[in-house]
Amino acid sequence: MRTDERIGRWLDDLEATLRTAADLAARGVDSYRDDAAVPLAFEALVNRTGDLAKKLITADAGRFSDATWRAAARTRDFTVHHYDRIDSDVLWRTVTVSFPKLLDLVMAEKTL
């Protein structure tokens, strides 16, 4: 598979992941706080998002040079390796504020 095909597939996967996160976030902060499964799902989505961001950066560092891509990768590393120190408010903001910005970047890349 060519690099551009892999990038396209990863962008599709990332879009789907970010839309899933948005659907969960749409349930609201009360659901996030009351249902233990939702924060765990957010952690998994942060992991997947960061992993895909890393793949995209590695495939084409020039194209995926915006700091948002690196931030997604670093957030994944922190979440995976320091899960015992995750701040629930920061996790909520990551999914509800940062993920929509990343989705905008994904959609812009998909139009290229």
Protein backbone atom coordinates (compact mmCIF):
# COMPACT_ATOMS: atom_id res chain seq x y z
CA MET A 1 0.00 0.00 0.00
CA ARG A 2 1.33 3.42 -0.93
CA THR A 3 1.97 6.09 1.69
CA ASP A 4 -0.84 8.31 0.41
CA GLU A 5 -3.27 5.39 0.67
CA ARG A 6 -2.20 4.68 4.25
CA ILE A 7 -2.56 8.36 5.11
CA GLY A 8 -6.07 8.37 3.64
CA ARG A 9 -7.04 5.30 5.64
CA TRP A 10 -5.61 6.77 8.85
CA LEU A 11 -7.43 10.05 8.29
CA ASP A 12 -10.69 8.12 7.81
CA ASP A 13 -10.04 6.17 11.02
CA LEU A 14 -9.22 9.35 12.90
CA GLU A 15 -12.36 11.07 11.65
CA ALA A 16 -14.48 8.13 12.83
CA THR A 17 -12.73 8.11 16.21
CA LEU A 18 -13.23 11.83 16.74
CA ARG A 19 -16.89 11.60 15.72
CA THR A 20 -17.40 8.76 18.20
CA ALA A 21 -15.85 10.93 20.89
CA ALA A 22 -18.19 13.78 19.95
CA ASP A 23 -21.20 11.47 20.20
CA LEU A 24 -20.16 10.40 23.70
CA ALA A 25 -19.46 13.99 24.74
CA ALA A 26 -22.91 15.01 23.49
CA ARG A 27 -24.35 12.95 26.34
CA GLY A 28 -23.13 15.76 28.57
CA VAL A 29 -20.85 16.28 31.50
CA ASP A 30 -23.29 14.63 33.92
CA SER A 31 -23.09 11.39 31.96
CA TYR A 32 -19.30 11.73 31.94
CA ARG A 33 -19.24 12.11 35.72
CA ASP A 34 -21.95 9.56 36.56
CA ASP A 35 -21.14 6.70 34.18
CA ALA A 36 -17.69 5.21 34.84
CA ALA A 37 -17.64 3.73 31.34
CA VAL A 38 -17.59 7.14 29.65
CA PRO A 39 -14.23 8.35 31.06
CA LEU A 40 -12.74 4.95 30.26
CA ALA A 41 -14.05 5.27 26.71
CA PHE A 42 -12.50 8.75 26.51
CA GLU A 43 -9.15 7.30 27.59
CA ALA A 44 -9.39 4.67 24.85
CA LEU A 45 -10.31 7.31 22.28
CA VAL A 46 -7.37 9.51 23.36
CA ASN A 47 -5.13 6.47 22.92
CA ARG A 48 -6.43 5.73 19.43
CA THR A 49 -6.34 9.40 18.41
CA GLY A 50 -2.75 9.81 19.54
CA ASP A 51 -1.65 6.59 17.88
CA LEU A 52 -3.14 7.72 14.57
CA ALA A 53 -1.57 11.17 14.96
CA LYS A 54 1.83 9.52 15.45
CA LYS A 55 1.37 7.43 12.31
CA LEU A 56 0.44 10.49 10.29
CA ILE A 57 3.39 12.52 11.60
CA THR A 58 5.76 9.66 10.82
CA ALA A 59 4.34 9.20 7.32
CA ASP A 60 4.62 12.89 6.38
CA ALA A 61 6.11 15.19 9.02
CA GLY A 62 5.85 18.23 6.78
CA ARG A 63 2.17 17.77 6.05
CA PHE A 64 1.28 16.99 9.68
CA SER A 65 3.47 19.67 11.29
CA ASP A 66 0.75 21.62 13.10
CA ALA A 67 1.33 21.51 16.86
CA THR A 68 -2.13 19.97 17.32
CA TRP A 69 -0.90 16.68 15.82
CA ARG A 70 2.03 16.50 18.25
CA ALA A 71 -0.22 17.47 21.16
CA ALA A 72 -2.53 14.55 20.35
CA ALA A 73 0.45 12.18 20.32
CA ARG A 74 1.79 13.52 23.65
CA THR A 75 -1.64 13.35 25.25
CA ARG A 76 -1.87 9.71 24.20
CA ASP A 77 1.51 8.96 25.78
CA PHE A 78 0.54 10.62 29.05
CA THR A 79 -2.83 8.88 29.18
CA VAL A 80 -1.36 5.45 28.48
CA HIS A 81 1.65 5.70 30.75
CA HIS A 82 0.25 7.82 33.59
CA TYR A 83 -3.38 6.70 33.70
CA ASP A 84 -3.28 6.97 37.50
CA ARG A 85 -2.68 10.74 37.22
CA ILE A 86 -5.36 11.65 34.69
CA ASP A 87 -7.30 14.76 35.66
CA SER A 88 -10.94 14.11 34.77
CA ASP A 89 -11.60 17.77 33.98
CA VAL A 90 -8.63 17.89 31.60
CA LEU A 91 -9.78 14.68 29.93
CA TRP A 92 -13.26 16.18 29.44
CA ARG A 93 -11.77 19.36 27.93
CA THR A 94 -9.49 17.32 25.68
CA VAL A 95 -12.46 15.53 24.16
CA THR A 96 -14.84 18.50 24.06
CA VAL A 97 -12.42 21.29 23.08
CA SER A 98 -9.25 19.84 21.54
CA PHE A 99 -10.82 16.97 19.61
CA PRO A 100 -13.15 19.24 17.58
CA LYS A 101 -10.12 21.34 16.58
CA LEU A 102 -8.30 18.18 15.51
CA LEU A 103 -11.37 17.08 13.55
CA ASP A 104 -11.23 20.40 11.66
CA LEU A 105 -7.61 19.62 10.73
CA VAL A 106 -8.56 16.11 9.64
CA MET A 107 -11.34 17.39 7.42
CA ALA A 108 -9.01 20.01 5.90
CA GLU A 109 -6.44 17.30 5.14
CA LYS A 110 -9.04 15.08 3.54
CA THR A 111 -9.92 17.81 1.04
CA LEU A 112 -6.31 18.01 -0.22
